[in-house]
PDB file of N, CA and C in Angstrom:
ATOM      1  N   MET A   1      -9.635  -3.717   0.978  1.00  0.00           N
ATOM      2  CA  MET A   1      -9.961  -2.331   0.806  1.00  0.00           C
ATOM      3  C   MET A   1      -9.070  -1.521   1.748  1.00  0.00           C
ATOM      4  N   VAL A   2      -8.628  -0.381   1.277  1.00  0.00           N
ATOM      5  CA  VAL A   2      -7.825   0.516   2.101  1.00  0.00           C
ATOM      6  C   VAL A   2      -8.493   1.888   2.122  1.00  0.00           C
ATOM      7  N   LEU A   3      -8.252   2.633   3.171  1.00  0.00           N
ATOM      8  CA  LEU A   3      -8.717   4.013   3.247  1.00  0.00           C
ATOM      9  C   LEU A   3      -7.513   4.932   3.111  1.00  0.00           C
ATOM     10  N   LEU A   4      -7.702   6.001   2.360  1.00  0.00           N
ATOM     11  CA  LEU A   4      -6.641   6.981   2.112  1.00  0.00           C
ATOM     12  C   LEU A   4      -7.096   8.350   2.598  1.00  0.00           C
ATOM     13  N   LYS A   5      -6.108   9.190   2.929  1.00  0.00           N
ATOM     14  CA  LYS A   5      -6.393  10.566   3.347  1.00  0.00           C
ATOM     15  C   LYS A   5      -5.341  11.471   2.737  1.00  0.00           C
ATOM     16  N   GLU A   6      -5.768  12.608   2.234  1.00  0.00           N
ATOM     17  CA  GLU A   6      -4.829  13.587   1.710  1.00  0.00           C
ATOM     18  C   GLU A   6      -4.087  14.228   2.885  1.00  0.00           C
ATOM     19  N   VAL A   7      -2.744  14.235   2.811  1.00  0.00           N
ATOM     20  CA  VAL A   7      -1.922  14.781   3.889  1.00  0.00           C
ATOM     21  C   VAL A   7      -0.893  15.753   3.316  1.00  0.00           C
ATOM     22  N   GLU A   8      -0.391  16.622   4.162  1.00  0.00           N
ATOM     23  CA  GLU A   8       0.596  17.616   3.732  1.00  0.00           C
ATOM     24  C   GLU A   8       1.980  17.021   3.507  1.00  0.00           C
ATOM     25  N   ASN A   9       2.397  16.086   4.357  1.00  0.00           N
ATOM     26  CA  ASN A   9       3.733  15.514   4.261  1.00  0.00           C
ATOM     27  C   ASN A   9       3.626  14.000   4.060  1.00  0.00           C
ATOM     28  N   PRO A  10       3.334  13.552   2.839  1.00  0.00           N
ATOM     29  CA  PRO A  10       3.086  12.124   2.622  1.00  0.00           C
ATOM     30  C   PRO A  10       4.303  11.225   2.769  1.00  0.00           C
ATOM     31  N   SER A  11       5.499  11.772   2.739  1.00  0.00           N
ATOM     32  CA  SER A  11       6.696  10.932   2.805  1.00  0.00           C
ATOM     33  C   SER A  11       6.849  10.199   4.139  1.00  0.00           C
ATOM     34  N   GLY A  12       6.057  10.540   5.130  1.00  0.00           N
ATOM     35  CA  GLY A  12       6.105   9.855   6.410  1.00  0.00           C
ATOM     36  C   GLY A  12       5.123   8.693   6.525  1.00  0.00           C
ATOM     37  N   PHE A  13       4.464   8.369   5.407  1.00  0.00           N
ATOM     38  CA  PHE A  13       3.412   7.354   5.415  1.00  0.00           C
ATOM     39  C   PHE A  13       3.592   6.375   4.258  1.00  0.00           C
ATOM     40  N   GLY A  14       2.748   5.360   4.229  1.00  0.00           N
ATOM     41  CA  GLY A  14       2.570   4.579   3.021  1.00  0.00           C
ATOM     42  C   GLY A  14       1.735   5.434   2.088  1.00  0.00           C
ATOM     43  N   VAL A  15       2.155   5.575   0.827  1.00  0.00           N
ATOM     44  CA  VAL A  15       1.526   6.514  -0.095  1.00  0.00           C
ATOM     45  C   VAL A  15       0.999   5.784  -1.330  1.00  0.00           C
ATOM     46  N   ALA A  16      -0.140   6.262  -1.830  1.00  0.00           N
ATOM     47  CA  ALA A  16      -0.775   5.676  -3.003  1.00  0.00           C
ATOM     48  C   ALA A  16      -0.316   6.362  -4.283  1.00  0.00           C
ATOM     49  N   LYS A  17      -0.136   5.546  -5.334  1.00  0.00           N
ATOM     50  CA  LYS A  17       0.143   6.061  -6.674  1.00  0.00           C
ATOM     51  C   LYS A  17      -1.022   5.632  -7.559  1.00  0.00           C
ATOM     52  N   PHE A  18      -1.486   6.547  -8.409  1.00  0.00           N
ATOM     53  CA  PHE A  18      -2.632   6.304  -9.274  1.00  0.00           C
ATOM     54  C   PHE A  18      -2.234   6.402 -10.744  1.00  0.00           C
ATOM     55  N   ASP A  19      -2.976   5.689 -11.602  1.00  0.00           N
ATOM     56  CA  ASP A  19      -2.753   5.835 -13.038  1.00  0.00           C
ATOM     57  C   ASP A  19      -3.553   7.038 -13.540  1.00  0.00           C
ATOM     58  N   GLU A  20      -3.509   7.281 -14.843  1.00  0.00           N
ATOM     59  CA  GLU A  20      -4.161   8.451 -15.428  1.00  0.00           C
ATOM     60  C   GLU A  20      -5.681   8.422 -15.287  1.00  0.00           C
ATOM     61  N   ARG A  21      -6.259   7.244 -15.032  1.00  0.00           N
ATOM     62  CA  ARG A  21      -7.706   7.132 -14.842  1.00  0.00           C
ATOM     63  C   ARG A  21      -8.105   7.170 -13.369  1.00  0.00           C
ATOM     64  N   GLY A  22      -7.127   7.329 -12.483  1.00  0.00           N
ATOM     65  CA  GLY A  22      -7.408   7.405 -11.062  1.00  0.00           C
ATOM     66  C   GLY A  22      -7.447   6.063 -10.359  1.00  0.00           C
ATOM     67  N   ASN A  23      -7.018   5.003 -11.056  1.00  0.00           N
ATOM     68  CA  ASN A  23      -6.958   3.683 -10.435  1.00  0.00           C
ATOM     69  C   ASN A  23      -5.705   3.551  -9.583  1.00  0.00           C
ATOM     70  N   LEU A  24      -5.847   2.940  -8.437  1.00  0.00           N
ATOM     71  CA  LEU A  24      -4.707   2.679  -7.566  1.00  0.00           C
ATOM     72  C   LEU A  24      -3.808   1.637  -8.235  1.00  0.00           C
ATOM     73  N   VAL A  25      -2.526   1.982  -8.438  1.00  0.00           N
ATOM     74  CA  VAL A  25      -1.613   1.051  -9.114  1.00  0.00           C
ATOM     75  C   VAL A  25      -0.419   0.648  -8.267  1.00  0.00           C
ATOM     76  N   LYS A  26      -0.111   1.426  -7.231  1.00  0.00           N
ATOM     77  CA  LYS A  26       1.055   1.101  -6.418  1.00  0.00           C
ATOM     78  C   LYS A  26       0.933   1.738  -5.050  1.00  0.00           C
ATOM     79  N   LEU A  27       1.500   1.048  -4.054  1.00  0.00           N
ATOM     80  CA  LEU A  27       1.599   1.581  -2.704  1.00  0.00           C
ATOM     81  C   LEU A  27       3.066   1.568  -2.306  1.00  0.00           C
ATOM     82  N   ILE A  28       3.549   2.695  -1.815  1.00  0.00           N
ATOM     83  CA  ILE A  28       4.971   2.855  -1.510  1.00  0.00           C
ATOM     84  C   ILE A  28       5.114   3.270  -0.050  1.00  0.00           C
ATOM     85  N   GLU A  29       5.901   2.521   0.702  1.00  0.00           N
ATOM     86  CA  GLU A  29       6.097   2.818   2.124  1.00  0.00           C
ATOM     87  C   GLU A  29       7.138   3.921   2.305  1.00  0.00           C
ATOM     88  N   LYS A  30       6.711   5.026   2.884  1.00  0.00           N
ATOM     89  CA  LYS A  30       7.579   6.161   3.227  1.00  0.00           C
ATOM     90  C   LYS A  30       8.545   6.548   2.095  1.00  0.00           C
ATOM     91  N   PRO A  31       7.997   6.954   0.945  1.00  0.00           N
ATOM     92  CA  PRO A  31       8.861   7.316  -0.185  1.00  0.00           C
ATOM     93  C   PRO A  31       9.598   8.628   0.054  1.00  0.00           C
ATOM     94  N   LYS A  32      10.791   8.738  -0.519  1.00  0.00           N
ATOM     95  CA  LYS A  32      11.533  10.005  -0.446  1.00  0.00           C
ATOM     96  C   LYS A  32      10.842  11.052  -1.314  1.00  0.00           C
ATOM     97  N   VAL A  33      10.364  10.615  -2.488  1.00  0.00           N
ATOM     98  CA  VAL A  33       9.600  11.485  -3.382  1.00  0.00           C
ATOM     99  C   VAL A  33       8.223  10.843  -3.538  1.00  0.00           C
ATOM    100  N   SER A  34       7.209  11.533  -3.111  1.00  0.00           N
ATOM    101  CA  SER A  34       5.867  10.956  -3.089  1.00  0.00           C
ATOM    102  C   SER A  34       5.143  11.133  -4.423  1.00  0.00           C
ATOM    103  N   PRO A  35       4.481  10.069  -4.914  1.00  0.00           N
ATOM    104  CA  PRO A  35       3.732  10.171  -6.159  1.00  0.00           C
ATOM    105  C   PRO A  35       2.364  10.847  -5.988  1.00  0.00           C
ATOM    106  N   SER A  36       1.919  11.053  -4.757  1.00  0.00           N
ATOM    107  CA  SER A  36       0.648  11.733  -4.487  1.00  0.00           C
ATOM    108  C   SER A  36       0.663  12.219  -3.041  1.00  0.00           C
ATOM    109  N   LYS A  37      -0.415  12.886  -2.663  1.00  0.00           N
ATOM    110  CA  LYS A  37      -0.565  13.332  -1.274  1.00  0.00           C
ATOM    111  C   LYS A  37      -1.512  12.427  -0.506  1.00  0.00           C
ATOM    112  N   TYR A  38      -1.814  11.245  -1.069  1.00  0.00           N
ATOM    113  CA  TYR A  38      -2.767  10.334  -0.433  1.00  0.00           C
ATOM    114  C   TYR A  38      -2.049   9.249   0.347  1.00  0.00           C
ATOM    115  N   ALA A  39      -2.245   9.267   1.652  1.00  0.00           N
ATOM    116  CA  ALA A  39      -1.568   8.339   2.560  1.00  0.00           C
ATOM    117  C   ALA A  39      -2.529   7.272   3.062  1.00  0.00           C
ATOM    118  N   LEU A  40      -1.965   6.102   3.326  1.00  0.00           N
ATOM    119  CA  LEU A  40      -2.730   5.034   3.977  1.00  0.00           C
ATOM    120  C   LEU A  40      -2.989   5.456   5.415  1.00  0.00           C
ATOM    121  N   VAL A  41      -4.213   5.311   5.871  1.00  0.00           N
ATOM    122  CA  VAL A  41      -4.538   5.746   7.228  1.00  0.00           C
ATOM    123  C   VAL A  41      -4.601   4.607   8.234  1.00  0.00           C
ATOM    124  N   GLY A  42      -4.344   3.388   7.785  1.00  0.00           N
ATOM    125  CA  GLY A  42      -4.284   2.269   8.722  1.00  0.00           C
ATOM    126  C   GLY A  42      -5.604   1.561   8.952  1.00  0.00           C
ATOM    127  N   VAL A  43      -6.578   1.762   8.067  1.00  0.00           N
ATOM    128  CA  VAL A  43      -7.850   1.050   8.143  1.00  0.00           C
ATOM    129  C   VAL A  43      -7.926   0.140   6.925  1.00  0.00           C
ATOM    130  N   TYR A  44      -8.013  -1.169   7.161  1.00  0.00           N
ATOM    131  CA  TYR A  44      -7.989  -2.150   6.084  1.00  0.00           C
ATOM    132  C   TYR A  44      -9.096  -3.172   6.280  1.00  0.00           C
ATOM    133  N   PHE A  45      -9.637  -3.643   5.168  1.00  0.00           N
ATOM    134  CA  PHE A  45     -10.594  -4.749   5.156  1.00  0.00           C
ATOM    135  C   PHE A  45     -10.041  -5.775   4.182  1.00  0.00           C
ATOM    136  N   PHE A  46      -9.828  -7.006   4.637  1.00  0.00           N
ATOM    137  CA  PHE A  46      -9.196  -8.022   3.803  1.00  0.00           C
ATOM    138  C   PHE A  46     -10.068  -9.245   3.610  1.00  0.00           C
ATOM    139  N   LYS A  47      -9.850  -9.889   2.475  1.00  0.00           N
ATOM    140  CA  LYS A  47     -10.395 -11.219   2.241  1.00  0.00           C
ATOM    141  C   LYS A  47      -9.344 -12.206   2.754  1.00  0.00           C
ATOM    142  N   PRO A  48      -9.723 -13.451   3.007  1.00  0.00           N
ATOM    143  CA  PRO A  48      -8.784 -14.433   3.565  1.00  0.00           C
ATOM    144  C   PRO A  48      -7.507 -14.644   2.752  1.00  0.00           C
ATOM    145  N   VAL A  49      -7.505 -14.321   1.468  1.00  0.00           N
ATOM    146  CA  VAL A  49      -6.302 -14.501   0.645  1.00  0.00           C
ATOM    147  C   VAL A  49      -5.113 -13.732   1.209  1.00  0.00           C
ATOM    148  N   VAL A  50      -5.365 -12.709   2.009  1.00  0.00           N
ATOM    149  CA  VAL A  50      -4.275 -11.918   2.571  1.00  0.00           C
ATOM    150  C   VAL A  50      -3.308 -12.782   3.377  1.00  0.00           C
ATOM    151  N   PHE A  51      -3.801 -13.833   4.007  1.00  0.00           N
ATOM    152  CA  PHE A  51      -2.930 -14.682   4.823  1.00  0.00           C
ATOM    153  C   PHE A  51      -1.952 -15.471   3.959  1.00  0.00           C
ATOM    154  N   ASP A  52      -2.377 -15.849   2.752  1.00  0.00           N
ATOM    155  CA  ASP A  52      -1.459 -16.518   1.818  1.00  0.00           C
ATOM    156  C   ASP A  52      -0.356 -15.567   1.379  1.00  0.00           C
ATOM    157  N   VAL A  53      -0.715 -14.328   1.129  1.00  0.00           N
ATOM    158  CA  VAL A  53       0.273 -13.325   0.711  1.00  0.00           C
ATOM    159  C   VAL A  53       1.257 -13.049   1.842  1.00  0.00           C
ATOM    160  N   ILE A  54       0.775 -12.908   3.045  1.00  0.00           N
ATOM    161  CA  ILE A  54       1.643 -12.623   4.199  1.00  0.00           C
ATOM    162  C   ILE A  54       2.698 -13.717   4.375  1.00  0.00           C
ATOM    163  N   LYS A  55       2.326 -14.960   4.133  1.00  0.00           N
ATOM    164  CA  LYS A  55       3.273 -16.070   4.262  1.00  0.00           C
ATOM    165  C   LYS A  55       4.458 -15.929   3.313  1.00  0.00           C
ATOM    166  N   GLU A  56       4.283 -15.200   2.218  1.00  0.00           N
ATOM    167  CA  GLU A  56       5.330 -15.032   1.212  1.00  0.00           C
ATOM    168  C   GLU A  56       6.239 -13.829   1.481  1.00  0.00           C
ATOM    169  N   LEU A  57       5.855 -12.968   2.404  1.00  0.00           N
ATOM    170  CA  LEU A  57       6.610 -11.734   2.635  1.00  0.00           C
ATOM    171  C   LEU A  57       7.997 -11.998   3.196  1.00  0.00           C
ATOM    172  N   LYS A  58       8.889 -11.103   2.832  1.00  0.00           N
ATOM    173  CA  LYS A  58      10.232 -11.084   3.410  1.00  0.00           C
ATOM    174  C   LYS A  58      10.352  -9.758   4.163  1.00  0.00           C
ATOM    175  N   PRO A  59      11.090  -9.725   5.246  1.00  0.00           N
ATOM    176  CA  PRO A  59      11.228  -8.473   5.995  1.00  0.00           C
ATOM    177  C   PRO A  59      11.804  -7.346   5.129  1.00  0.00           C
ATOM    178  N   SER A  60      11.336  -6.146   5.389  1.00  0.00           N
ATOM    179  CA  SER A  60      11.827  -4.954   4.692  1.00  0.00           C
ATOM    180  C   SER A  60      13.222  -4.606   5.198  1.00  0.00           C
ATOM    181  N   TRP A  61      13.782  -3.542   4.662  1.00  0.00           N
ATOM    182  CA  TRP A  61      15.103  -3.078   5.100  1.00  0.00           C
ATOM    183  C   TRP A  61      15.081  -2.703   6.581  1.00  0.00           C
ATOM    184  N   ARG A  62      13.875  -2.455   7.127  1.00  0.00           N
ATOM    185  CA  ARG A  62      13.745  -2.133   8.553  1.00  0.00           C
ATOM    186  C   ARG A  62      13.588  -3.383   9.403  1.00  0.00           C
ATOM    187  N   GLY A  63      13.572  -4.568   8.739  1.00  0.00           N
ATOM    188  CA  GLY A  63      13.417  -5.820   9.466  1.00  0.00           C
ATOM    189  C   GLY A  63      11.985  -6.133   9.841  1.00  0.00           C
ATOM    190  N   GLU A  64      11.039  -5.476   9.197  1.00  0.00           N
ATOM    191  CA  GLU A  64       9.630  -5.663   9.516  1.00  0.00           C
ATOM    192  C   GLU A  64       8.872  -6.205   8.310  1.00  0.00           C
ATOM    193  N   LEU A  65       7.783  -6.915   8.567  1.00  0.00           N
ATOM    194  CA  LEU A  65       6.855  -7.286   7.506  1.00  0.00           C
ATOM    195  C   LEU A  65       5.930  -6.086   7.302  1.00  0.00           C
ATOM    196  N   GLU A  66       5.924  -5.554   6.100  1.00  0.00           N
ATOM    197  CA  GLU A  66       5.201  -4.310   5.823  1.00  0.00           C
ATOM    198  C   GLU A  66       3.829  -4.594   5.220  1.00  0.00           C
ATOM    199  N   ILE A  67       2.795  -3.976   5.781  1.00  0.00           N
ATOM    200  CA  ILE A  67       1.457  -4.113   5.221  1.00  0.00           C
ATOM    201  C   ILE A  67       1.420  -3.543   3.803  1.00  0.00           C
ATOM    202  N   THR A  68       2.224  -2.510   3.549  1.00  0.00           N
ATOM    203  CA  THR A  68       2.278  -1.926   2.211  1.00  0.00           C
ATOM    204  C   THR A  68       2.767  -2.952   1.194  1.00  0.00           C
ATOM    205  N   ASP A  69       3.744  -3.772   1.559  1.00  0.00           N
ATOM    206  CA  ASP A  69       4.223  -4.823   0.654  1.00  0.00           C
ATOM    207  C   ASP A  69       3.118  -5.846   0.384  1.00  0.00           C
ATOM    208  N   THR A  70       2.356  -6.180   1.411  1.00  0.00           N
ATOM    209  CA  THR A  70       1.238  -7.109   1.247  1.00  0.00           C
ATOM    210  C   THR A  70       0.231  -6.560   0.242  1.00  0.00           C
ATOM    211  N   LEU A  71      -0.123  -5.296   0.409  1.00  0.00           N
ATOM    212  CA  LEU A  71      -1.082  -4.670  -0.489  1.00  0.00           C
ATOM    213  C   LEU A  71      -0.541  -4.587  -1.917  1.00  0.00           C
ATOM    214  N   GLN A  72       0.754  -4.293  -2.054  1.00  0.00           N
ATOM    215  CA  GLN A  72       1.354  -4.195  -3.386  1.00  0.00           C
ATOM    216  C   GLN A  72       1.302  -5.547  -4.109  1.00  0.00           C
ATOM    217  N   ILE A  73       1.611  -6.614  -3.406  1.00  0.00           N
ATOM    218  CA  ILE A  73       1.533  -7.952  -4.012  1.00  0.00           C
ATOM    219  C   ILE A  73       0.096  -8.237  -4.460  1.00  0.00           C
ATOM    220  N   MET A  74      -0.865  -7.870  -3.636  1.00  0.00           N
ATOM    221  CA  MET A  74      -2.258  -8.092  -4.002  1.00  0.00           C
ATOM    222  C   MET A  74      -2.628  -7.287  -5.245  1.00  0.00           C
ATOM    223  N   LEU A  75      -2.150  -6.053  -5.346  1.00  0.00           N
ATOM    224  CA  LEU A  75      -2.374  -5.250  -6.550  1.00  0.00           C
ATOM    225  C   LEU A  75      -1.779  -5.928  -7.773  1.00  0.00           C
ATOM    226  N   GLU A  76      -0.549  -6.391  -7.648  1.00  0.00           N
ATOM    227  CA  GLU A  76       0.142  -7.039  -8.763  1.00  0.00           C
ATOM    228  C   GLU A  76      -0.567  -8.311  -9.217  1.00  0.00           C
ATOM    229  N   ARG A  77      -1.308  -8.932  -8.312  1.00  0.00           N
ATOM    230  CA  ARG A  77      -2.045 -10.165  -8.653  1.00  0.00           C
ATOM    231  C   ARG A  77      -3.495  -9.869  -9.032  1.00  0.00           C
ATOM    232  N   ASN A  78      -3.767  -8.606  -9.261  1.00  0.00           N
ATOM    233  CA  ASN A  78      -5.080  -8.145  -9.730  1.00  0.00           C
ATOM    234  C   ASN A  78      -6.211  -8.308  -8.726  1.00  0.00           C
ATOM    235  N   TYR A  79      -5.873  -8.353  -7.439  1.00  0.00           N
ATOM    236  CA  TYR A  79      -6.920  -8.276  -6.425  1.00  0.00           C
ATOM    237  C   TYR A  79      -7.316  -6.818  -6.298  1.00  0.00           C
ATOM    238  N   ARG A  80      -8.556  -6.575  -6.027  1.00  0.00           N
ATOM    239  CA  ARG A  80      -9.002  -5.193  -5.875  1.00  0.00           C
ATOM    240  C   ARG A  80      -8.541  -4.668  -4.529  1.00  0.00           C
ATOM    241  N   VAL A  81      -7.793  -3.591  -4.560  1.00  0.00           N
ATOM    242  CA  VAL A  81      -7.289  -2.932  -3.358  1.00  0.00           C
ATOM    243  C   VAL A  81      -7.617  -1.453  -3.515  1.00  0.00           C
ATOM    244  N   GLY A  82      -8.410  -0.929  -2.625  1.00  0.00           N
ATOM    245  CA  GLY A  82      -8.726   0.493  -2.716  1.00  0.00           C
ATOM    246  C   GLY A  82     -10.168   0.761  -3.024  1.00  0.00           C
TER     247      GLY A  82
END
């Protein structure tokens, strides 16, 4: 589970993208063009499967393992996130 907050300048955060029904479909780390004003606030609740996903991560262009990438993989595998 993730918590989101509406912010004025979402491009400085991990940002949520929603489908037409309001379902969370994608999380984007610091996008140049933001799909919404809803930012990740850094509060997460995970099931143990998160550790399996983390093992598969590759460093981002910044050389870091991104929590946003972890959440995106979980979304793609149909785990409930959000």
